[in-house]
């Protein structure tokens, strides 16, 4: 959890532009808590720091509620013109949700949480997170995923790549996957820092299950 907080904080400090972005930090264990939209980067990082670990892994419920929350926000007023980005981080296998994998895929499809509608979903797994599970959630262009055995910073490469795709407004999921595989974090960050970042809404949805306290 300490490393996730550090990487999440670094991500927000590089990303968040005051007056242009709304960011939220949500978390899941046995249940899911919706994060409060924040206009200021230091408010987002305060929410990150407040996270603690315990309980199971309601991964599917968290993705569904995150998608619905972001789509609702995107439909309101000025924020309807913003792209929406959902970044989920997990170190465990689904074991607590009421929903199942097909429910997740159905909600993504039915709400149109896809690049065509300026909505982007990425998920990073570490350690015991199921590669098959992540792959199945994201297949058929519904999202992108990465998995690493023990390197949290490596997993956050996907989040940098996903954000690059959103702020450029034209990269496909295939391009995002190539970026994640072929480019180092430093290269991605340098590209990221040179961009004129568009107004956007983003949510960091972080696994706060008990296993997070034991992740290397």
N, C-alpha and C. Protein backbone atom coordinates (compact mmCIF):
# COMPACT_ATOMS: atom_id res chain seq x y z
N UNK A 1 0.82 -1.20 0.00
CA UNK A 1 0.00 0.00 0.00
C UNK A 1 0.86 1.26 0.00
N UNK A 2 1.97 1.22 0.72
CA UNK A 2 2.87 2.37 0.75
C UNK A 2 3.37 2.71 -0.66
N UNK A 3 3.75 1.70 -1.43
CA UNK A 3 4.25 1.93 -2.78
C UNK A 3 3.15 2.39 -3.73
N UNK A 4 1.96 1.85 -3.55
CA UNK A 4 0.84 2.30 -4.37
C UNK A 4 0.54 3.77 -4.10
N UNK A 5 0.57 4.15 -2.83
CA UNK A 5 0.34 5.56 -2.49
C UNK A 5 1.39 6.46 -3.12
N UNK A 6 2.65 6.03 -3.04
CA UNK A 6 3.74 6.84 -3.59
C UNK A 6 3.58 7.00 -5.11
N UNK A 7 3.30 5.91 -5.80
CA UNK A 7 3.14 5.98 -7.25
C UNK A 7 1.89 6.74 -7.65
N UNK A 8 0.81 6.56 -6.91
CA UNK A 8 -0.42 7.30 -7.20
C UNK A 8 -0.21 8.79 -7.00
N UNK A 9 0.47 9.15 -5.93
CA UNK A 9 0.75 10.57 -5.67
C UNK A 9 1.61 11.16 -6.77
N UNK A 10 2.64 10.44 -7.19
CA UNK A 10 3.49 10.91 -8.28
C UNK A 10 2.69 11.09 -9.56
N UNK A 11 1.81 10.15 -9.83
CA UNK A 11 0.96 10.23 -11.01
C UNK A 11 0.12 11.52 -10.98
N UNK A 12 -0.54 11.79 -9.86
CA UNK A 12 -1.40 12.97 -9.75
C UNK A 12 -0.57 14.25 -9.88
N UNK A 13 0.59 14.27 -9.25
CA UNK A 13 1.43 15.47 -9.31
C UNK A 13 1.89 15.77 -10.73
N UNK A 14 2.09 14.73 -11.55
CA UNK A 14 2.47 14.93 -12.94
C UNK A 14 1.27 15.28 -13.81
N UNK A 15 0.12 14.73 -13.48
CA UNK A 15 -1.07 14.88 -14.32
C UNK A 15 -1.86 16.14 -14.04
N UNK A 16 -2.22 16.35 -12.80
CA UNK A 16 -3.33 17.23 -12.45
C UNK A 16 -2.99 18.70 -12.72
N UNK A 17 -3.82 19.33 -13.55
CA UNK A 17 -3.70 20.76 -13.83
C UNK A 17 -4.84 21.50 -13.15
N UNK A 18 -4.48 22.43 -12.26
CA UNK A 18 -5.50 23.17 -11.52
C UNK A 18 -6.43 23.90 -12.48
N UNK A 19 -7.72 23.80 -12.22
CA UNK A 19 -8.71 24.49 -13.03
C UNK A 19 -9.08 23.78 -14.31
N UNK A 20 -8.39 22.67 -14.63
CA UNK A 20 -8.67 21.95 -15.86
C UNK A 20 -9.14 20.52 -15.61
N UNK A 21 -8.77 19.96 -14.48
CA UNK A 21 -9.06 18.56 -14.22
C UNK A 21 -9.89 18.37 -12.96
N UNK A 22 -10.71 17.32 -12.99
CA UNK A 22 -11.37 16.80 -11.80
C UNK A 22 -10.79 15.41 -11.54
N UNK A 23 -10.29 15.17 -10.35
CA UNK A 23 -9.75 13.86 -10.01
C UNK A 23 -10.45 13.29 -8.79
N UNK A 24 -10.60 11.97 -8.78
CA UNK A 24 -11.22 11.31 -7.63
C UNK A 24 -10.42 10.06 -7.28
N UNK A 25 -10.35 9.75 -5.99
CA UNK A 25 -9.69 8.54 -5.50
C UNK A 25 -10.76 7.67 -4.86
N UNK A 26 -10.97 6.49 -5.44
CA UNK A 26 -11.91 5.53 -4.87
C UNK A 26 -11.15 4.29 -4.45
N UNK A 27 -11.79 3.47 -3.61
CA UNK A 27 -11.11 2.25 -3.19
C UNK A 27 -12.12 1.14 -2.95
N UNK A 28 -11.62 -0.07 -3.00
CA UNK A 28 -12.50 -1.22 -2.79
C UNK A 28 -11.79 -2.27 -1.95
N UNK A 29 -12.57 -2.91 -1.11
CA UNK A 29 -12.15 -4.13 -0.40
C UNK A 29 -13.37 -5.06 -0.44
N UNK A 30 -14.06 -5.26 0.70
CA UNK A 30 -15.31 -6.04 0.64
C UNK A 30 -16.41 -5.28 -0.09
N UNK A 31 -16.32 -3.97 -0.10
CA UNK A 31 -17.30 -3.11 -0.76
C UNK A 31 -16.55 -2.04 -1.56
N UNK A 32 -17.27 -1.03 -1.99
CA UNK A 32 -16.68 0.02 -2.82
C UNK A 32 -17.10 1.39 -2.31
N UNK A 33 -16.15 2.30 -2.19
CA UNK A 33 -16.44 3.67 -1.78
C UNK A 33 -16.14 4.61 -2.95
N UNK A 34 -17.13 5.41 -3.32
CA UNK A 34 -16.98 6.37 -4.42
C UNK A 34 -16.17 7.56 -3.94
N UNK A 35 -15.14 7.92 -4.69
CA UNK A 35 -14.32 9.07 -4.32
C UNK A 35 -15.00 10.38 -4.65
N UNK A 36 -14.69 11.42 -3.89
CA UNK A 36 -15.22 12.76 -4.12
C UNK A 36 -14.42 13.45 -5.22
N UNK A 37 -15.07 14.03 -6.24
CA UNK A 37 -14.34 14.76 -7.27
C UNK A 37 -13.62 15.96 -6.67
N UNK A 38 -12.36 16.11 -7.03
CA UNK A 38 -11.53 17.20 -6.50
C UNK A 38 -10.99 18.06 -7.64
N UNK A 39 -10.95 19.37 -7.40
CA UNK A 39 -10.39 20.28 -8.39
C UNK A 39 -8.90 20.51 -8.17
N UNK A 40 -8.43 20.30 -6.95
CA UNK A 40 -7.04 20.62 -6.61
C UNK A 40 -6.24 19.33 -6.41
N UNK A 41 -5.00 19.34 -6.93
CA UNK A 41 -4.15 18.15 -6.85
C UNK A 41 -3.88 17.77 -5.40
N UNK A 42 -3.65 18.75 -4.52
CA UNK A 42 -3.32 18.41 -3.14
C UNK A 42 -4.50 17.75 -2.43
N UNK A 43 -5.73 18.02 -2.87
CA UNK A 43 -6.89 17.33 -2.30
C UNK A 43 -6.93 15.87 -2.75
N UNK A 44 -6.55 15.63 -4.00
CA UNK A 44 -6.50 14.25 -4.50
C UNK A 44 -5.44 13.46 -3.75
N UNK A 45 -4.26 14.06 -3.58
CA UNK A 45 -3.18 13.33 -2.89
C UNK A 45 -3.50 13.12 -1.41
N UNK A 46 -4.25 14.02 -0.79
CA UNK A 46 -4.70 13.81 0.59
C UNK A 46 -5.62 12.59 0.67
N UNK A 47 -6.49 12.44 -0.32
CA UNK A 47 -7.37 11.27 -0.35
C UNK A 47 -6.55 9.99 -0.53
N UNK A 48 -5.52 10.05 -1.35
CA UNK A 48 -4.64 8.88 -1.53
C UNK A 48 -3.99 8.50 -0.21
N UNK A 49 -3.48 9.47 0.50
CA UNK A 49 -2.76 9.21 1.75
C UNK A 49 -3.68 8.61 2.81
N UNK A 50 -4.96 8.88 2.72
CA UNK A 50 -5.90 8.39 3.75
C UNK A 50 -6.25 6.91 3.58
N UNK A 51 -5.83 6.28 2.48
CA UNK A 51 -6.19 4.89 2.23
C UNK A 51 -5.50 3.95 3.22
N UNK A 52 -6.21 2.91 3.60
CA UNK A 52 -5.63 1.84 4.41
C UNK A 52 -6.17 0.52 3.89
N UNK A 53 -5.56 -0.61 4.31
CA UNK A 53 -5.92 -1.89 3.72
C UNK A 53 -6.63 -2.80 4.71
N UNK A 54 -7.53 -3.64 4.15
CA UNK A 54 -8.25 -4.61 4.96
C UNK A 54 -9.43 -5.18 4.20
N UNK A 55 -9.78 -6.45 4.44
CA UNK A 55 -10.95 -7.03 3.81
C UNK A 55 -10.64 -7.77 2.52
N UNK A 56 -11.71 -8.08 1.75
CA UNK A 56 -11.59 -8.87 0.54
C UNK A 56 -11.39 -8.03 -0.70
N UNK A 57 -11.86 -8.53 -1.87
CA UNK A 57 -11.60 -7.85 -3.14
C UNK A 57 -12.87 -7.81 -3.98
N UNK A 58 -13.63 -6.73 -3.87
CA UNK A 58 -14.85 -6.55 -4.67
C UNK A 58 -14.49 -5.83 -5.97
N UNK A 59 -13.68 -6.47 -6.79
CA UNK A 59 -13.16 -5.84 -8.00
C UNK A 59 -14.25 -5.51 -8.99
N UNK A 60 -15.13 -6.45 -9.29
CA UNK A 60 -16.15 -6.22 -10.32
C UNK A 60 -17.11 -5.11 -9.92
N UNK A 61 -17.57 -5.14 -8.66
CA UNK A 61 -18.47 -4.08 -8.21
C UNK A 61 -17.80 -2.71 -8.33
N UNK A 62 -16.52 -2.64 -8.01
CA UNK A 62 -15.83 -1.35 -8.04
C UNK A 62 -15.73 -0.81 -9.45
N UNK A 63 -15.46 -1.66 -10.42
CA UNK A 63 -15.37 -1.19 -11.81
C UNK A 63 -16.73 -0.69 -12.30
N UNK A 64 -17.78 -1.46 -12.01
CA UNK A 64 -19.12 -1.05 -12.44
C UNK A 64 -19.50 0.30 -11.83
N UNK A 65 -19.29 0.46 -10.53
CA UNK A 65 -19.69 1.71 -9.88
C UNK A 65 -18.82 2.87 -10.34
N UNK A 66 -17.55 2.61 -10.63
CA UNK A 66 -16.67 3.66 -11.15
C UNK A 66 -17.13 4.12 -12.53
N UNK A 67 -17.43 3.17 -13.40
CA UNK A 67 -17.90 3.50 -14.75
C UNK A 67 -19.18 4.32 -14.67
N UNK A 68 -20.13 3.88 -13.88
CA UNK A 68 -21.40 4.60 -13.77
C UNK A 68 -21.20 6.00 -13.19
N UNK A 69 -20.32 6.13 -12.20
CA UNK A 69 -20.06 7.44 -11.60
C UNK A 69 -19.44 8.40 -12.61
N UNK A 70 -18.45 7.92 -13.35
CA UNK A 70 -17.79 8.78 -14.34
C UNK A 70 -18.72 9.15 -15.48
N UNK A 71 -19.53 8.20 -15.95
CA UNK A 71 -20.47 8.51 -17.02
C UNK A 71 -21.51 9.53 -16.56
N UNK A 72 -21.96 9.42 -15.31
CA UNK A 72 -22.91 10.39 -14.77
C UNK A 72 -22.26 11.78 -14.72
N UNK A 73 -21.02 11.84 -14.27
CA UNK A 73 -20.32 13.13 -14.20
C UNK A 73 -20.10 13.70 -15.59
N UNK A 74 -19.77 12.83 -16.54
CA UNK A 74 -19.49 13.30 -17.90
C UNK A 74 -20.75 13.87 -18.56
N UNK A 75 -21.90 13.44 -18.11
CA UNK A 75 -23.16 13.89 -18.71
C UNK A 75 -23.62 15.24 -18.18
N UNK A 76 -22.92 15.79 -17.20
CA UNK A 76 -23.38 17.00 -16.52
C UNK A 76 -22.64 18.24 -17.01
N UNK A 77 -23.36 19.19 -17.57
CA UNK A 77 -22.86 20.52 -17.85
C UNK A 77 -21.53 20.58 -18.57
N UNK A 78 -20.64 21.43 -18.05
CA UNK A 78 -19.35 21.67 -18.68
C UNK A 78 -18.53 20.39 -18.76
N UNK A 79 -18.70 19.50 -17.80
CA UNK A 79 -17.89 18.29 -17.77
C UNK A 79 -18.31 17.30 -18.85
N UNK A 80 -19.43 17.56 -19.53
CA UNK A 80 -19.83 16.69 -20.63
C UNK A 80 -18.83 16.73 -21.78
N UNK A 81 -18.03 17.79 -21.84
CA UNK A 81 -17.05 17.91 -22.92
C UNK A 81 -15.71 17.30 -22.56
N UNK A 82 -15.57 16.83 -21.33
CA UNK A 82 -14.30 16.29 -20.88
C UNK A 82 -14.18 14.80 -21.20
N UNK A 83 -13.00 14.34 -21.59
CA UNK A 83 -12.77 12.90 -21.61
C UNK A 83 -12.77 12.35 -20.19
N UNK A 84 -13.08 11.07 -20.06
CA UNK A 84 -13.12 10.41 -18.75
C UNK A 84 -12.14 9.24 -18.76
N UNK A 85 -11.38 9.10 -17.69
CA UNK A 85 -10.36 8.07 -17.57
C UNK A 85 -10.53 7.32 -16.26
N UNK A 86 -10.67 6.00 -16.33
CA UNK A 86 -10.76 5.16 -15.14
C UNK A 86 -9.53 4.26 -15.06
N UNK A 87 -8.80 4.38 -13.96
CA UNK A 87 -7.59 3.60 -13.74
C UNK A 87 -7.78 2.75 -12.48
N UNK A 88 -7.79 1.44 -12.65
CA UNK A 88 -8.00 0.53 -11.52
C UNK A 88 -6.72 -0.24 -11.24
N UNK A 89 -6.36 -0.34 -9.97
CA UNK A 89 -5.16 -1.06 -9.54
C UNK A 89 -5.57 -2.15 -8.56
N UNK A 90 -5.10 -3.39 -8.81
CA UNK A 90 -5.45 -4.48 -7.90
C UNK A 90 -4.29 -5.45 -7.72
N UNK A 91 -4.23 -6.07 -6.55
CA UNK A 91 -3.20 -7.11 -6.33
C UNK A 91 -3.86 -8.45 -6.00
N UNK A 92 -5.19 -8.54 -6.19
CA UNK A 92 -5.87 -9.77 -5.78
C UNK A 92 -6.88 -10.27 -6.80
N UNK A 93 -7.45 -11.41 -6.52
CA UNK A 93 -8.49 -12.01 -7.34
C UNK A 93 -9.86 -11.60 -6.80
N UNK A 94 -10.80 -11.41 -7.71
CA UNK A 94 -12.17 -11.11 -7.33
C UNK A 94 -12.71 -12.17 -6.36
N UNK A 95 -13.28 -11.70 -5.22
CA UNK A 95 -13.87 -12.67 -4.29
C UNK A 95 -15.02 -12.12 -3.45
N UNK A 96 -15.45 -10.87 -3.71
CA UNK A 96 -16.47 -10.28 -2.85
C UNK A 96 -17.62 -9.61 -3.59
N UNK A 97 -17.56 -9.49 -4.92
CA UNK A 97 -18.57 -8.72 -5.64
C UNK A 97 -19.89 -9.46 -5.77
N UNK A 98 -20.97 -8.68 -5.83
CA UNK A 98 -22.27 -9.24 -6.20
C UNK A 98 -22.35 -9.43 -7.71
N UNK A 99 -21.68 -8.56 -8.46
CA UNK A 99 -21.66 -8.66 -9.92
C UNK A 99 -20.63 -9.70 -10.36
N UNK A 100 -20.77 -10.15 -11.62
CA UNK A 100 -19.77 -11.06 -12.18
C UNK A 100 -19.08 -10.39 -13.37
N UNK A 101 -18.17 -11.11 -13.99
CA UNK A 101 -17.37 -10.52 -15.07
C UNK A 101 -18.24 -10.06 -16.23
N UNK A 102 -19.24 -10.85 -16.60
CA UNK A 102 -20.10 -10.45 -17.72
C UNK A 102 -20.91 -9.21 -17.38
N UNK A 103 -21.26 -9.02 -16.11
CA UNK A 103 -21.94 -7.79 -15.70
C UNK A 103 -21.05 -6.58 -15.96
N UNK A 104 -19.76 -6.72 -15.65
CA UNK A 104 -18.81 -5.61 -15.88
C UNK A 104 -18.78 -5.26 -17.36
N UNK A 105 -18.60 -6.26 -18.20
CA UNK A 105 -18.51 -6.03 -19.64
C UNK A 105 -19.81 -5.44 -20.18
N UNK A 106 -20.93 -5.91 -19.67
CA UNK A 106 -22.22 -5.39 -20.14
C UNK A 106 -22.37 -3.91 -19.78
N UNK A 107 -22.00 -3.53 -18.57
CA UNK A 107 -22.11 -2.12 -18.16
C UNK A 107 -21.21 -1.23 -19.02
N UNK A 108 -19.98 -1.68 -19.28
CA UNK A 108 -19.07 -0.89 -20.12
C UNK A 108 -19.68 -0.69 -21.50
N UNK A 109 -20.25 -1.77 -22.06
CA UNK A 109 -20.86 -1.66 -23.39
C UNK A 109 -22.11 -0.80 -23.37
N UNK A 110 -22.98 -1.02 -22.40
CA UNK A 110 -24.27 -0.32 -22.38
C UNK A 110 -24.11 1.17 -22.11
N UNK A 111 -23.13 1.53 -21.28
CA UNK A 111 -22.92 2.96 -20.98
C UNK A 111 -22.08 3.63 -22.05
N UNK A 112 -21.46 2.86 -22.93
CA UNK A 112 -20.59 3.44 -23.95
C UNK A 112 -19.31 3.98 -23.37
N UNK A 113 -18.78 3.31 -22.32
CA UNK A 113 -17.53 3.78 -21.72
C UNK A 113 -16.37 3.29 -22.58
N UNK A 114 -16.24 3.89 -23.76
CA UNK A 114 -15.27 3.47 -24.77
C UNK A 114 -14.60 4.69 -25.39
N UNK A 115 -13.46 4.50 -26.06
CA UNK A 115 -12.77 5.64 -26.67
C UNK A 115 -13.62 6.43 -27.65
N UNK A 116 -14.56 5.77 -28.32
CA UNK A 116 -15.44 6.50 -29.24
C UNK A 116 -16.17 7.62 -28.54
N UNK A 117 -16.46 7.41 -27.25
CA UNK A 117 -17.16 8.42 -26.44
C UNK A 117 -16.21 9.14 -25.49
N UNK A 118 -14.93 9.09 -25.79
CA UNK A 118 -13.88 9.75 -24.99
C UNK A 118 -13.84 9.21 -23.56
N UNK A 119 -14.10 7.91 -23.42
CA UNK A 119 -14.01 7.24 -22.12
C UNK A 119 -12.99 6.11 -22.22
N UNK A 120 -12.10 6.03 -21.25
CA UNK A 120 -10.97 5.11 -21.31
C UNK A 120 -10.85 4.35 -20.00
N UNK A 121 -10.69 3.03 -20.12
CA UNK A 121 -10.56 2.16 -18.95
C UNK A 121 -9.24 1.40 -19.03
N UNK A 122 -8.45 1.46 -17.96
CA UNK A 122 -7.20 0.70 -17.88
C UNK A 122 -7.12 0.06 -16.51
N UNK A 123 -6.55 -1.15 -16.45
CA UNK A 123 -6.42 -1.86 -15.18
C UNK A 123 -5.03 -2.46 -15.08
N UNK A 124 -4.39 -2.27 -13.94
CA UNK A 124 -3.06 -2.82 -13.69
C UNK A 124 -3.14 -3.81 -12.54
N UNK A 125 -2.56 -4.98 -12.74
CA UNK A 125 -2.54 -6.00 -11.71
C UNK A 125 -1.12 -6.32 -11.28
N UNK A 126 -0.97 -6.74 -10.05
CA UNK A 126 0.35 -7.10 -9.52
C UNK A 126 0.20 -8.38 -8.69
N UNK A 127 1.23 -9.20 -8.66
CA UNK A 127 1.25 -10.36 -7.78
C UNK A 127 0.15 -11.37 -8.08
N UNK A 128 -0.74 -11.58 -7.11
CA UNK A 128 -1.77 -12.60 -7.22
C UNK A 128 -2.96 -12.20 -8.09
N UNK A 129 -2.98 -10.97 -8.58
CA UNK A 129 -4.06 -10.58 -9.48
C UNK A 129 -4.11 -11.53 -10.67
N UNK A 130 -5.30 -11.94 -11.07
CA UNK A 130 -5.46 -12.94 -12.12
C UNK A 130 -5.29 -12.31 -13.50
N UNK A 131 -4.25 -12.75 -14.23
CA UNK A 131 -4.06 -12.24 -15.59
C UNK A 131 -5.26 -12.61 -16.47
N UNK A 132 -5.79 -13.81 -16.32
CA UNK A 132 -6.93 -14.23 -17.12
C UNK A 132 -8.13 -13.35 -16.85
N UNK A 133 -8.35 -13.04 -15.58
CA UNK A 133 -9.46 -12.20 -15.18
C UNK A 133 -9.34 -10.80 -15.79
N UNK A 134 -8.15 -10.21 -15.69
CA UNK A 134 -7.95 -8.87 -16.23
C UNK A 134 -8.09 -8.88 -17.75
N UNK A 135 -7.53 -9.90 -18.38
CA UNK A 135 -7.63 -9.99 -19.84
C UNK A 135 -9.08 -10.12 -20.29
N UNK A 136 -9.86 -10.93 -19.58
CA UNK A 136 -11.25 -11.12 -19.96
C UNK A 136 -12.09 -9.86 -19.76
N UNK A 137 -11.80 -9.10 -18.73
CA UNK A 137 -12.51 -7.83 -18.53
C UNK A 137 -12.29 -6.90 -19.72
N UNK A 138 -11.07 -6.87 -20.19
CA UNK A 138 -10.67 -5.86 -21.17
C UNK A 138 -10.77 -6.30 -22.63
N UNK A 139 -11.06 -7.56 -22.89
CA UNK A 139 -11.04 -8.07 -24.26
C UNK A 139 -12.08 -7.38 -25.13
N UNK A 140 -11.89 -7.50 -26.45
CA UNK A 140 -12.78 -6.90 -27.46
C UNK A 140 -12.78 -5.38 -27.39
N UNK A 141 -11.66 -4.79 -27.00
CA UNK A 141 -11.53 -3.34 -27.01
C UNK A 141 -12.20 -2.61 -25.89
N UNK A 142 -12.62 -3.32 -24.82
CA UNK A 142 -13.30 -2.65 -23.71
C UNK A 142 -12.32 -1.99 -22.75
N UNK A 143 -11.05 -2.32 -22.82
CA UNK A 143 -10.06 -1.72 -21.94
C UNK A 143 -8.69 -2.26 -22.24
N UNK A 144 -7.71 -1.83 -21.48
CA UNK A 144 -6.34 -2.35 -21.58
C UNK A 144 -5.89 -2.76 -20.19
N UNK A 145 -5.02 -3.78 -20.15
CA UNK A 145 -4.53 -4.24 -18.85
C UNK A 145 -3.05 -4.54 -18.93
N UNK A 146 -2.41 -4.56 -17.78
CA UNK A 146 -1.04 -5.03 -17.66
C UNK A 146 -0.93 -5.81 -16.36
N UNK A 147 0.09 -6.64 -16.26
CA UNK A 147 0.31 -7.41 -15.05
C UNK A 147 1.81 -7.54 -14.82
N UNK A 148 2.22 -7.41 -13.57
CA UNK A 148 3.61 -7.60 -13.20
C UNK A 148 3.67 -8.38 -11.91
N UNK A 149 4.69 -9.21 -11.74
CA UNK A 149 4.75 -10.08 -10.55
C UNK A 149 4.96 -9.29 -9.26
N UNK A 150 5.87 -8.30 -9.29
CA UNK A 150 6.19 -7.66 -8.02
C UNK A 150 6.62 -6.20 -8.15
N UNK A 151 6.49 -5.59 -9.33
CA UNK A 151 7.00 -4.24 -9.54
C UNK A 151 5.84 -3.27 -9.74
N UNK A 152 5.47 -2.55 -8.69
CA UNK A 152 4.34 -1.63 -8.75
C UNK A 152 4.62 -0.48 -9.71
N UNK A 153 5.86 0.00 -9.73
CA UNK A 153 6.19 1.07 -10.67
C UNK A 153 5.98 0.62 -12.10
N UNK A 154 6.31 -0.63 -12.40
CA UNK A 154 6.08 -1.17 -13.74
C UNK A 154 4.59 -1.16 -14.08
N UNK A 155 3.77 -1.51 -13.13
CA UNK A 155 2.33 -1.51 -13.37
C UNK A 155 1.82 -0.11 -13.67
N UNK A 156 2.39 0.88 -13.02
CA UNK A 156 1.95 2.25 -13.25
C UNK A 156 2.35 2.79 -14.62
N UNK A 157 3.22 2.08 -15.33
CA UNK A 157 3.50 2.46 -16.71
C UNK A 157 2.22 2.47 -17.54
N UNK A 158 1.35 1.51 -17.27
CA UNK A 158 0.10 1.45 -18.02
C UNK A 158 -0.71 2.72 -17.78
N UNK A 159 -0.72 3.20 -16.54
CA UNK A 159 -1.50 4.38 -16.25
C UNK A 159 -0.95 5.62 -16.98
N UNK A 160 0.37 5.71 -17.06
CA UNK A 160 0.97 6.79 -17.83
C UNK A 160 0.58 6.66 -19.29
N UNK A 161 0.68 5.46 -19.84
CA UNK A 161 0.35 5.24 -21.25
C UNK A 161 -1.12 5.55 -21.51
N UNK A 162 -1.99 5.12 -20.61
CA UNK A 162 -3.42 5.38 -20.79
C UNK A 162 -3.71 6.87 -20.76
N UNK A 163 -3.07 7.57 -19.86
CA UNK A 163 -3.29 9.01 -19.76
C UNK A 163 -2.77 9.73 -21.00
N UNK A 164 -1.64 9.29 -21.53
CA UNK A 164 -1.13 9.86 -22.77
C UNK A 164 -2.17 9.71 -23.88
N UNK A 165 -2.79 8.55 -23.96
CA UNK A 165 -3.79 8.32 -25.00
C UNK A 165 -4.97 9.27 -24.85
N UNK A 166 -5.39 9.51 -23.61
CA UNK A 166 -6.52 10.39 -23.37
C UNK A 166 -6.18 11.83 -23.70
N UNK A 167 -5.06 12.33 -23.23
CA UNK A 167 -4.76 13.74 -23.42
C UNK A 167 -4.38 14.06 -24.86
N UNK A 168 -3.88 13.08 -25.59
CA UNK A 168 -3.65 13.29 -27.02
C UNK A 168 -4.96 13.23 -27.79
N UNK A 169 -5.89 12.42 -27.29
CA UNK A 169 -7.21 12.36 -27.89
C UNK A 169 -7.29 11.58 -29.18
N UNK A 170 -6.27 10.80 -29.52
CA UNK A 170 -6.33 10.12 -30.81
C UNK A 170 -5.67 8.75 -30.81
N UNK A 171 -5.10 8.32 -29.69
CA UNK A 171 -4.42 7.03 -29.68
C UNK A 171 -5.41 5.89 -29.43
N UNK A 172 -5.23 4.80 -30.15
CA UNK A 172 -6.07 3.64 -29.97
C UNK A 172 -5.57 2.80 -28.80
N UNK A 173 -6.38 1.82 -28.39
CA UNK A 173 -5.93 0.92 -27.35
C UNK A 173 -4.71 0.13 -27.79
N UNK A 174 -4.64 -0.19 -29.08
CA UNK A 174 -3.47 -0.92 -29.58
C UNK A 174 -2.21 -0.09 -29.37
N UNK A 175 -2.29 1.21 -29.63
CA UNK A 175 -1.13 2.08 -29.42
C UNK A 175 -0.77 2.16 -27.95
N UNK A 176 -1.79 2.19 -27.09
CA UNK A 176 -1.52 2.24 -25.66
C UNK A 176 -0.79 0.99 -25.22
N UNK A 177 -1.21 -0.16 -25.74
CA UNK A 177 -0.55 -1.41 -25.36
C UNK A 177 0.89 -1.44 -25.84
N UNK A 178 1.14 -0.94 -27.04
CA UNK A 178 2.51 -0.90 -27.55
C UNK A 178 3.37 0.03 -26.70
N UNK A 179 2.82 1.17 -26.31
CA UNK A 179 3.56 2.09 -25.44
C UNK A 179 3.96 1.40 -24.15
N UNK A 180 3.00 0.67 -23.56
CA UNK A 180 3.26 0.04 -22.26
C UNK A 180 4.35 -1.02 -22.38
N UNK A 181 4.36 -1.74 -23.50
CA UNK A 181 5.31 -2.83 -23.66
C UNK A 181 6.70 -2.34 -24.05
N UNK A 182 6.75 -1.30 -24.88
CA UNK A 182 8.02 -1.00 -25.54
C UNK A 182 8.76 0.21 -24.99
N UNK A 183 8.11 1.04 -24.20
CA UNK A 183 8.75 2.27 -23.76
C UNK A 183 8.97 2.26 -22.25
N UNK A 184 10.08 2.79 -21.86
CA UNK A 184 10.38 2.86 -20.44
C UNK A 184 9.53 3.94 -19.78
N UNK A 185 9.38 3.85 -18.46
CA UNK A 185 8.61 4.85 -17.73
C UNK A 185 9.18 6.24 -17.94
N UNK A 186 10.50 6.37 -17.95
CA UNK A 186 11.12 7.69 -18.11
C UNK A 186 10.75 8.31 -19.46
N UNK A 187 10.75 7.49 -20.50
CA UNK A 187 10.39 7.99 -21.83
C UNK A 187 8.94 8.46 -21.84
N UNK A 188 8.05 7.65 -21.26
CA UNK A 188 6.65 8.02 -21.21
C UNK A 188 6.43 9.30 -20.41
N UNK A 189 7.13 9.44 -19.30
CA UNK A 189 6.97 10.63 -18.48
C UNK A 189 7.46 11.87 -19.22
N UNK A 190 8.57 11.74 -19.95
CA UNK A 190 9.07 12.90 -20.72
C UNK A 190 8.04 13.32 -21.77
N UNK A 191 7.45 12.35 -22.46
CA UNK A 191 6.41 12.68 -23.42
C UNK A 191 5.23 13.35 -22.73
N UNK A 192 4.86 12.78 -21.60
CA UNK A 192 3.73 13.27 -20.83
C UNK A 192 3.93 14.73 -20.44
N UNK A 193 5.13 15.08 -20.00
CA UNK A 193 5.38 16.42 -19.47
C UNK A 193 5.41 17.48 -20.57
N UNK A 194 5.60 17.06 -21.82
CA UNK A 194 5.63 18.03 -22.92
C UNK A 194 4.25 18.31 -23.50
N UNK A 195 3.26 17.55 -23.09
CA UNK A 195 1.94 17.68 -23.69
C UNK A 195 1.14 18.83 -23.09
N UNK A 196 0.29 19.41 -23.93
CA UNK A 196 -0.71 20.35 -23.44
C UNK A 196 -1.92 19.52 -23.02
N UNK A 197 -2.07 19.30 -21.74
CA UNK A 197 -3.06 18.35 -21.26
C UNK A 197 -4.46 18.95 -21.30
N UNK A 198 -5.37 18.24 -21.95
CA UNK A 198 -6.74 18.70 -22.11
C UNK A 198 -7.50 18.61 -20.79
N UNK A 199 -8.57 19.42 -20.64
CA UNK A 199 -9.44 19.24 -19.49
C UNK A 199 -9.97 17.81 -19.46
N UNK A 200 -9.99 17.20 -18.31
CA UNK A 200 -10.44 15.81 -18.23
C UNK A 200 -10.90 15.46 -16.82
N UNK A 201 -11.63 14.35 -16.74
CA UNK A 201 -12.09 13.78 -15.47
C UNK A 201 -11.40 12.43 -15.31
N UNK A 202 -10.80 12.17 -14.16
CA UNK A 202 -10.15 10.88 -13.97
C UNK A 202 -10.46 10.32 -12.59
N UNK A 203 -10.39 9.00 -12.49
CA UNK A 203 -10.60 8.34 -11.21
C UNK A 203 -9.55 7.26 -11.02
N UNK A 204 -8.87 7.31 -9.88
CA UNK A 204 -7.97 6.24 -9.45
C UNK A 204 -8.77 5.32 -8.53
N UNK A 205 -8.99 4.09 -8.97
CA UNK A 205 -9.78 3.13 -8.21
C UNK A 205 -8.82 2.07 -7.66
N UNK A 206 -8.53 2.13 -6.37
CA UNK A 206 -7.40 1.39 -5.79
C UNK A 206 -7.87 0.25 -4.88
N UNK A 207 -7.28 -0.90 -5.10
CA UNK A 207 -7.52 -2.07 -4.25
C UNK A 207 -7.00 -1.80 -2.84
N UNK A 208 -7.90 -1.86 -1.87
CA UNK A 208 -7.51 -1.65 -0.47
C UNK A 208 -7.78 -2.91 0.35
N UNK A 209 -7.74 -4.07 -0.31
CA UNK A 209 -7.97 -5.34 0.40
C UNK A 209 -6.81 -5.65 1.33
N UNK A 210 -7.03 -6.60 2.21
CA UNK A 210 -6.02 -6.92 3.21
C UNK A 210 -4.69 -7.35 2.63
N UNK A 211 -4.72 -7.99 1.45
CA UNK A 211 -3.46 -8.45 0.84
C UNK A 211 -2.55 -7.30 0.45
N UNK A 212 -3.11 -6.09 0.29
CA UNK A 212 -2.29 -4.94 -0.09
C UNK A 212 -1.25 -4.61 0.99
N UNK A 213 -1.54 -4.97 2.22
CA UNK A 213 -0.59 -4.68 3.29
C UNK A 213 0.62 -5.58 3.22
N UNK A 214 0.53 -6.67 2.41
CA UNK A 214 1.63 -7.62 2.31
C UNK A 214 2.33 -7.60 0.96
N UNK A 215 1.88 -6.75 0.05
CA UNK A 215 2.48 -6.70 -1.29
C UNK A 215 3.92 -6.21 -1.20
N UNK A 216 4.87 -6.87 -1.90
CA UNK A 216 6.28 -6.42 -1.86
C UNK A 216 6.42 -5.01 -2.38
